[in-house]
Protein backbone atom coordinates (compact mmCIF):
# COMPACT_ATOMS: atom_id res chain seq x y z
CA UNK A 1 42.30 72.21 112.09
CA UNK A 2 39.24 70.03 111.65
CA UNK A 3 38.06 68.89 108.24
CA UNK A 4 34.93 71.02 108.62
CA UNK A 5 37.02 74.07 109.46
CA UNK A 6 39.22 73.50 106.43
CA UNK A 7 36.14 73.21 104.19
CA UNK A 8 34.78 76.48 105.55
CA UNK A 9 38.12 78.19 104.95
CA UNK A 10 38.11 76.96 101.37
CA UNK A 11 34.59 78.21 100.81
CA UNK A 12 35.54 81.66 102.09
CA UNK A 13 38.61 81.79 99.90
CA UNK A 14 36.56 80.69 96.90
CA UNK A 15 34.60 83.95 97.18
CA UNK A 16 37.84 85.92 97.45
CA UNK A 17 39.11 84.24 94.29
CA UNK A 18 35.81 85.12 92.66
CA UNK A 19 36.23 88.80 93.60
CA UNK A 20 39.75 88.81 92.14
CA UNK A 21 38.42 87.14 89.01
CA UNK A 22 35.69 89.75 88.58
CA UNK A 23 38.21 92.59 88.90
CA UNK A 24 40.62 90.86 86.52
CA UNK A 25 37.94 90.70 83.83
CA UNK A 26 37.01 94.33 84.61
CA UNK A 27 40.55 95.38 83.70
CA UNK A 28 41.59 92.93 81.00
CA UNK A 29 38.36 92.88 79.00
CA UNK A 30 36.18 95.68 80.34
CA UNK A 31 38.81 98.40 80.07
CA UNK A 32 41.29 96.88 77.65
CA UNK A 33 38.77 95.76 75.04
CA UNK A 34 35.36 97.33 75.57
CA UNK A 35 36.75 100.66 76.69
CA UNK A 36 38.02 101.02 73.10
CA UNK A 37 34.46 101.65 71.88
CA UNK A 38 34.08 104.74 74.08
CA UNK A 39 37.51 106.10 73.15
CA UNK A 40 37.20 105.29 69.43
CA UNK A 41 35.44 108.42 68.07
CA UNK A 42 38.06 110.81 69.49
CA UNK A 43 40.95 108.46 68.83
CA UNK A 44 39.79 107.86 65.24
CA UNK A 45 39.45 111.59 64.53
CA UNK A 46 42.81 112.49 66.10
CA UNK A 47 44.74 109.77 64.27
CA UNK A 48 42.80 110.14 61.00
CA UNK A 49 41.65 106.51 60.82
CA UNK A 50 39.10 105.15 58.36
CA UNK A 51 36.34 102.85 59.59
CA UNK A 52 38.25 99.89 58.15
CA UNK A 53 41.40 100.91 60.04
CA UNK A 54 39.40 101.46 63.23
CA UNK A 55 37.93 97.97 62.89
CA UNK A 56 41.37 96.56 62.13
CA UNK A 57 42.71 97.97 65.42
CA UNK A 58 40.08 95.95 67.26
CA UNK A 59 40.92 92.92 65.13
CA UNK A 60 44.61 93.17 66.04
CA UNK A 61 43.61 93.19 69.70
CA UNK A 62 41.36 90.18 69.30
CA UNK A 63 43.70 88.19 67.06
CA UNK A 64 46.48 88.49 69.63
CA UNK A 65 43.97 87.56 72.32
CA UNK A 66 43.00 84.28 70.69
CA UNK A 67 46.55 83.20 69.92
CA UNK A 68 47.61 83.75 73.52
CA UNK A 69 44.36 82.59 75.15
CA UNK A 70 44.66 79.08 73.76
CA UNK A 71 48.18 78.73 75.12
CA UNK A 72 47.20 80.35 78.40
CA UNK A 73 44.55 77.72 79.00
CA UNK A 74 47.02 74.87 78.51
CA UNK A 75 49.78 76.64 80.47
CA UNK A 76 47.41 77.29 83.35
CA UNK A 77 46.59 73.60 83.52
CA UNK A 78 50.32 72.86 83.78
CA UNK A 79 51.88 75.58 85.92
CA UNK A 80 49.00 77.26 87.72
CA UNK A 81 46.90 80.35 87.19
CA UNK A 82 48.15 83.04 89.58
CA UNK A 83 51.41 83.94 87.84
CA UNK A 84 49.80 83.88 84.40
CA UNK A 85 46.89 86.07 85.46
CA UNK A 86 49.16 88.60 87.15
CA UNK A 87 51.54 88.74 84.19
CA UNK A 88 48.60 89.22 81.85
CA UNK A 89 47.29 92.18 83.81
CA UNK A 90 50.72 93.84 83.92
CA UNK A 91 51.16 93.38 80.16
CA UNK A 92 47.66 94.75 79.53
CA UNK A 93 48.47 97.81 81.66
CA UNK A 94 51.69 98.52 79.77
CA UNK A 95 49.90 98.05 76.46
CA UNK A 96 47.04 100.41 77.37
CA UNK A 97 49.59 103.08 78.30
CA UNK A 98 51.29 102.45 74.94
CA UNK A 99 47.94 102.92 73.19
CA UNK A 100 47.74 106.35 74.78
CA UNK A 101 51.14 107.18 73.25
CA UNK A 102 50.28 105.97 69.73
CA UNK A 103 51.00 108.41 66.89
CA UNK A 104 49.49 106.51 63.98
CA UNK A 105 47.84 103.33 62.81
CA UNK A 106 51.05 101.25 63.04
CA UNK A 107 51.91 102.09 66.64
CA UNK A 108 48.26 101.90 67.64
CA UNK A 109 47.95 98.44 66.05
CA UNK A 110 51.01 97.18 67.93
CA UNK A 111 49.69 98.54 71.23
CA UNK A 112 46.22 97.09 70.70
CA UNK A 113 47.73 93.71 69.82
CA UNK A 114 49.81 93.76 73.01
CA UNK A 115 46.66 94.60 74.99
CA UNK A 116 45.13 91.46 73.50
CA UNK A 117 48.14 89.44 74.66
CA UNK A 118 47.62 90.62 78.22
CA UNK A 119 43.88 89.99 78.11
CA UNK A 120 44.37 86.49 76.75
CA UNK A 121 46.82 85.61 79.49
CA UNK A 122 44.50 86.92 82.20
CA UNK A 123 41.00 85.99 81.08
CA UNK A 124 40.99 82.26 80.24
CA UNK A 125 42.85 81.14 83.40
CA UNK A 126 40.55 83.39 85.45
CA UNK A 127 37.30 81.86 84.18
CA UNK A 128 38.69 78.34 84.49
CA UNK A 129 40.02 78.99 87.99
CA UNK A 130 36.70 80.37 89.20
CA UNK A 131 34.87 77.34 87.77
CA UNK A 132 37.26 74.96 89.53
CA UNK A 133 36.73 76.58 92.95
CA UNK A 134 32.96 75.97 92.90
CA UNK A 135 30.85 72.84 92.73
CA UNK A 136 28.67 72.06 89.72
CA UNK A 137 25.63 73.30 91.66
CA UNK A 138 27.08 76.84 91.90
CA UNK A 139 29.51 76.85 88.98
CA UNK A 140 27.25 78.68 86.55
CA UNK A 141 26.40 81.31 89.14
CA UNK A 142 30.06 81.85 90.07
CA UNK A 143 31.21 82.09 86.46
CA UNK A 144 28.41 84.56 85.82
CA UNK A 145 29.53 86.78 88.69
CA UNK A 146 33.11 86.71 87.40
CA UNK A 147 32.23 87.86 83.88
CA UNK A 148 30.13 90.71 85.28
CA UNK A 149 33.44 92.53 85.63
CA UNK A 150 32.90 93.65 82.04
CA UNK A 151 29.56 95.14 83.08
CA UNK A 152 31.19 97.17 85.82
CA UNK A 153 33.59 98.55 83.22
CA UNK A 154 30.75 99.70 80.97
CA UNK A 155 29.06 101.44 83.90
CA UNK A 156 32.28 103.30 84.65
CA UNK A 157 33.43 103.95 81.09
CA UNK A 158 30.06 105.11 79.69
CA UNK A 159 29.86 108.44 81.54
CA UNK A 160 33.57 108.81 82.44
CA UNK A 161 35.16 108.84 78.99
CA UNK A 162 32.89 111.46 77.37
CA UNK A 163 33.24 113.63 80.49
CA UNK A 164 37.05 113.48 80.39
CA UNK A 165 37.18 114.25 76.68
CA UNK A 166 34.71 117.12 77.08
CA UNK A 167 36.77 118.57 79.93
CA UNK A 168 40.29 118.16 78.52
CA UNK A 169 39.85 118.31 74.75
CA UNK A 170 39.81 116.01 71.77
CA UNK A 171 43.21 114.46 72.48
CA UNK A 172 42.18 113.56 76.05
CA UNK A 173 41.59 110.02 74.78
CA UNK A 174 45.27 109.54 75.59
CA UNK A 175 44.65 110.41 79.24
CA UNK A 176 41.82 107.86 79.29
CA UNK A 177 44.19 105.07 78.26
CA UNK A 178 46.67 106.11 80.97
CA UNK A 179 43.90 105.92 83.59
CA UNK A 180 42.88 102.49 82.32
CA UNK A 181 46.50 101.34 82.63
CA UNK A 182 46.80 102.57 86.22
CA UNK A 183 43.62 100.71 87.21
CA UNK A 184 44.93 97.49 85.63
CA UNK A 185 48.19 97.72 87.59
CA UNK A 186 46.35 98.11 90.91
CA UNK A 187 44.18 95.08 90.11
CA UNK A 188 47.28 93.09 89.15
CA UNK A 189 48.67 93.61 92.65
CA UNK A 190 45.38 92.53 94.20
CA UNK A 191 45.26 89.37 92.06
CA UNK A 192 48.86 88.48 92.91
CA UNK A 193 48.06 88.67 96.62
CA UNK A 194 44.68 86.92 96.69
CA UNK A 195 44.57 84.31 93.92
CA UNK A 196 45.30 80.73 94.88
CA UNK A 197 45.09 77.56 92.85
CA UNK A 198 41.94 75.50 93.28
CA UNK A 199 41.99 72.99 96.14
CA UNK A 200 42.68 69.37 95.22
CA UNK A 201 39.75 66.99 95.08
CA UNK A 202 39.60 63.29 95.85
CA UNK A 203 40.45 62.42 92.26
CA UNK A 204 43.30 64.91 91.96
CA UNK A 205 45.91 62.22 91.30
CA UNK A 206 43.78 60.66 88.60
CA UNK A 207 43.15 64.03 86.99
CA UNK A 208 46.82 64.96 87.03
CA UNK A 209 47.73 61.66 85.43
CA UNK A 210 45.07 62.28 82.81
CA UNK A 211 46.62 65.64 81.96
CA UNK A 212 50.15 64.24 81.79
CA UNK A 213 49.24 61.17 79.74
CA UNK A 214 47.77 62.81 76.66
CA UNK A 215 44.67 64.17 78.32
CA UNK A 216 44.80 67.29 76.13
CA UNK A 217 44.09 65.04 73.18
CA UNK A 218 40.72 64.29 74.75
CA UNK A 219 39.84 67.95 74.39
CA UNK A 220 40.81 68.07 70.74
CA UNK A 221 38.88 64.90 69.93
CA UNK A 222 35.80 65.94 71.87
CA UNK A 223 32.73 66.54 69.72
CA UNK A 224 31.34 68.53 72.63
CA UNK A 225 34.26 70.98 72.50
CA UNK A 226 33.99 71.48 68.72
CA UNK A 227 30.25 72.15 68.84
CA UNK A 228 30.63 74.49 71.78
CA UNK A 229 33.37 76.23 69.82
CA UNK A 230 30.97 76.88 66.94
CA UNK A 231 28.56 78.66 69.29
CA UNK A 232 31.46 80.64 70.71
CA UNK A 233 32.52 81.69 67.20
CA UNK A 234 29.05 83.04 66.40
CA UNK A 235 28.92 84.90 69.71
CA UNK A 236 32.37 86.41 69.21
CA UNK A 237 31.74 87.56 65.64
CA UNK A 238 28.38 89.17 66.38
CA UNK A 239 28.73 90.78 69.80
CA UNK A 240 32.08 92.41 69.04
CA UNK A 241 30.57 94.27 66.08
CA UNK A 242 27.83 95.56 68.37
CA UNK A 243 30.22 96.88 71.01
CA UNK A 244 33.16 98.01 68.87
CA UNK A 245 31.10 100.39 66.77
CA UNK A 246 28.50 101.27 69.40
CA UNK A 247 29.62 104.89 69.80
CA UNK A 248 30.39 105.32 66.09
CA UNK A 249 26.93 104.07 65.12
CA UNK A 250 25.26 106.51 67.50
CA UNK A 251 27.43 109.59 66.99
CA UNK A 252 28.37 109.09 63.32
CA UNK A 253 25.38 107.41 61.66
CA UNK A 254 22.61 108.74 63.88
CA UNK A 255 24.02 112.12 64.97
CA UNK A 256 23.69 111.50 68.71
CA UNK A 257 25.73 113.62 71.11
CA UNK A 258 28.72 111.86 72.69
CA UNK A 259 27.33 112.39 76.18
CA UNK A 260 24.02 110.79 75.18
CA UNK A 261 25.85 107.87 73.61
CA UNK A 262 27.83 107.51 76.84
CA UNK A 263 24.62 107.46 78.85
CA UNK A 264 23.22 104.68 76.66
CA UNK A 265 26.49 102.76 77.06
CA UNK A 266 26.13 103.14 80.83
CA UNK A 267 22.52 101.88 80.63
CA UNK A 268 23.83 98.83 78.80
CA UNK A 269 26.37 98.37 81.57
CA UNK A 270 23.81 98.64 84.36
CA UNK A 271 21.52 96.17 82.59
CA UNK A 272 24.41 93.75 82.15
CA UNK A 273 25.35 93.74 85.84
CA UNK A 274 22.87 90.95 86.50
CA UNK A 275 23.33 89.03 83.25
CA UNK A 276 26.12 86.73 84.36
CA UNK A 277 24.42 85.78 87.60
CA UNK A 278 20.98 85.50 85.97
CA UNK A 279 21.98 83.34 83.04
CA UNK A 280 24.52 81.35 84.99
CA UNK A 281 21.72 80.40 87.37
CA UNK A 282 19.34 79.70 84.47
CA UNK A 283 21.95 77.44 82.89
CA UNK A 284 22.27 75.56 86.18
CA UNK A 285 18.52 74.88 85.99
CA UNK A 286 17.68 74.31 82.30
CA UNK A 287 21.07 73.18 81.04
CA UNK A 288 23.92 74.97 79.31
CA UNK A 289 22.78 74.36 75.71
CA UNK A 290 19.30 75.79 76.14
CA UNK A 291 20.58 78.82 78.00
CA UNK A 292 23.09 79.46 75.19
CA UNK A 293 20.36 79.16 72.55
CA UNK A 294 18.13 81.65 74.36
CA UNK A 295 20.95 84.15 74.81
CA UNK A 296 21.97 84.01 71.14
CA UNK A 297 18.35 84.53 70.06
CA UNK A 298 18.03 87.61 72.27
CA UNK A 299 21.31 88.93 70.87
CA UNK A 300 19.96 88.60 67.34
CA UNK A 301 16.96 90.76 68.24
CA UNK A 302 19.18 93.37 69.91
CA UNK A 303 21.57 93.61 66.95
CA UNK A 304 18.78 93.84 64.38
CA UNK A 305 17.06 96.50 66.47
CA UNK A 306 20.23 98.61 66.56
CA UNK A 307 20.23 98.58 62.76
CA UNK A 308 16.52 99.09 62.09
CA UNK A 309 14.80 100.66 65.12
CA UNK A 310 16.77 103.88 65.45
CA UNK A 311 14.44 105.98 67.60
CA UNK A 312 15.66 106.67 71.15
CA UNK A 313 13.24 104.06 72.47
CA UNK A 314 14.43 101.45 69.98
CA UNK A 315 18.08 102.07 70.73
CA UNK A 316 17.38 101.83 74.47
CA UNK A 317 15.52 98.54 74.01
CA UNK A 318 18.45 97.17 72.01
CA UNK A 319 20.95 98.23 74.69
CA UNK A 320 18.89 96.67 77.48
CA UNK A 321 18.29 93.43 75.58
CA UNK A 322 21.98 93.06 74.91
CA UNK A 323 22.82 94.14 78.44
CA UNK A 324 20.71 91.52 80.20
CA UNK A 325 22.46 88.80 78.18
CA UNK A 326 25.82 90.40 77.36
CA UNK A 327 28.47 88.43 79.25
CA UNK A 328 26.43 85.33 79.93
CA UNK A 329 27.95 83.29 77.10
CA UNK A 330 31.55 83.19 78.45
CA UNK A 331 30.24 82.29 81.89
CA UNK A 332 28.01 79.50 80.55
CA UNK A 333 30.81 78.19 78.34
CA UNK A 334 33.22 78.16 81.27
CA UNK A 335 30.69 76.30 83.40
CA UNK A 336 30.03 73.83 80.58
CA UNK A 337 33.74 73.04 80.29
CA UNK A 338 33.86 72.52 84.05
CA UNK A 339 30.87 70.16 83.81
CA UNK A 340 32.38 67.94 81.14
CA UNK A 341 36.13 68.00 81.71
CA UNK A 342 38.18 67.23 84.80
CA UNK A 343 39.72 70.03 86.83
CA UNK A 344 43.11 69.48 85.24
CA UNK A 345 41.60 69.87 81.77
CA UNK A 346 39.01 72.60 82.34
CA UNK A 347 41.43 75.43 81.53
CA UNK A 348 42.75 73.53 78.51
CA UNK A 349 39.22 72.94 77.21
CA UNK A 350 38.31 76.57 77.75
CA UNK A 351 41.44 77.62 75.91
CA UNK A 352 40.51 75.34 72.99
CA UNK A 353 36.98 76.70 72.57
CA UNK A 354 38.28 80.24 73.08
CA UNK A 355 40.21 79.76 69.83
CA UNK A 356 36.86 79.76 68.02
CA UNK A 357 35.71 82.80 69.96
CA UNK A 358 38.87 84.60 68.98
CA UNK A 359 38.48 83.85 65.28
CA UNK A 360 34.98 85.29 65.40
CA UNK A 361 36.11 88.34 67.38
CA UNK A 362 39.00 88.94 65.00
CA UNK A 363 36.87 88.81 61.86
CA UNK A 364 33.89 90.74 63.24
CA UNK A 365 35.38 94.27 63.58
CA UNK A 366 37.29 94.00 60.30
CA UNK A 367 34.24 92.88 58.33
CA UNK A 368 32.06 95.44 60.11
CA UNK A 369 34.48 98.27 59.31
CA UNK A 370 34.69 97.29 55.65
CA UNK A 371 30.89 97.17 55.36
CA UNK A 372 30.64 100.61 56.96
CA UNK A 373 33.08 102.10 54.45
CA UNK A 374 31.30 100.43 51.52
CA UNK A 375 27.75 101.42 52.55
CA UNK A 376 28.63 104.59 54.48
CA UNK A 377 26.63 103.21 57.41
CA UNK A 378 27.08 100.65 60.14
CA UNK A 379 23.53 99.31 59.71
CA UNK A 380 24.58 96.46 57.33
CA UNK A 381 27.23 95.34 59.83
CA UNK A 382 24.63 95.12 62.60
CA UNK A 383 22.25 93.14 60.37
CA UNK A 384 25.08 90.72 59.60
CA UNK A 385 25.74 90.39 63.34
CA UNK A 386 22.08 89.55 63.90
CA UNK A 387 22.18 86.81 61.25
CA UNK A 388 25.31 85.24 62.75
CA UNK A 389 23.69 85.29 66.20
CA UNK A 390 20.73 83.34 64.80
CA UNK A 391 23.19 80.72 63.51
CA UNK A 392 24.69 80.58 67.00
CA UNK A 393 21.27 79.92 68.54
CA UNK A 394 20.68 76.93 66.30
CA UNK A 395 24.25 75.68 66.82
CA UNK A 396 23.71 75.76 70.60
CA UNK A 397 20.89 73.23 70.26
CA UNK A 398 23.40 70.80 68.73
CA UNK A 399 25.65 70.89 71.81
CA UNK A 400 25.25 67.69 73.88
CA UNK A 401 23.79 68.02 77.36
CA UNK A 402 26.53 68.59 79.91
CA UNK A 403 24.77 66.73 82.70
CA UNK A 404 25.91 63.34 81.46
CA UNK A 405 28.37 64.21 78.67
CA UNK A 406 31.97 63.10 78.74
CA UNK A 407 34.56 63.70 76.03
């Protein structure tokens, strides 16, 4: 085969890897994490959970995610991504089925934590792998397409979950988790068949030596990675409050019907379908740091609006504003790591900064649930999320430019 033919074959397979990555995120994050928001009202009522306990279930999921995600990034750099991604999806599927069997807060917490384990194993290697298959010119765009898998999940979950619960009764939330698990298993098979490691580049030997000779220390010592991690923390803390309690805010605080809340969730999902591609492309043009700052600022407006502008129009504006920016941050962060670190260290760097994301995601639902119990409203939690997003916008401006940065 000619060199040109081999290059064309690699380009075609890069898009296949991207499709597998998008579906992986659809299952691991979109269903396993964000699907919890749609199921929560019925699940909370059936199991008799307080708002604090409901938030703690999300925190268990996210705490397990961060612990595993950091290791998954380093393991992927060592042994390859395909096996780790497939194992993560299978574990997530088993854990979602276990969530559907939960009888109380203890068993539900264990199942949600195991779902986080699966998501952590699948997500970080996926984003890093997608970034490594594409050149810097298209990396932001490709990473953006991959993270849009979460958007597809919102589009599906928004109308589907309320419809299933309305048709089969209050305890039909269990059936929803079983359906999520079945979808994750199908996607695991697809990923196992299609995912391949990124092709070697001309400096592959140098990069491998870098990884084997203490290259991971470069990540830990990198000021770029620490500053990027701070932005990721702010994003994780704030956005997870918005999504975790989305249905509870609408149906509990504001008295909206579950079907209407589901429709608004679907609107958020449709709006977010373009966010990864849009902001990944913007970050390719203006730079990663400025794109991150703009996204965090828009998030702050969306979160504050959800707390203060509670008319149907205000809630819709909030959902659309969040939607058009929703999953852009992970894509931009993945692209930034690919810009600065070698291929052998991209997954490790992404795992490192994901540790900060996970801390934020773990604290957000717990703090939000406590505030809701104290004030008998989720509005204070959403105002706190808005303030943290503003901090993230300013922190993004402190991140060095990735065009010439090196750790």
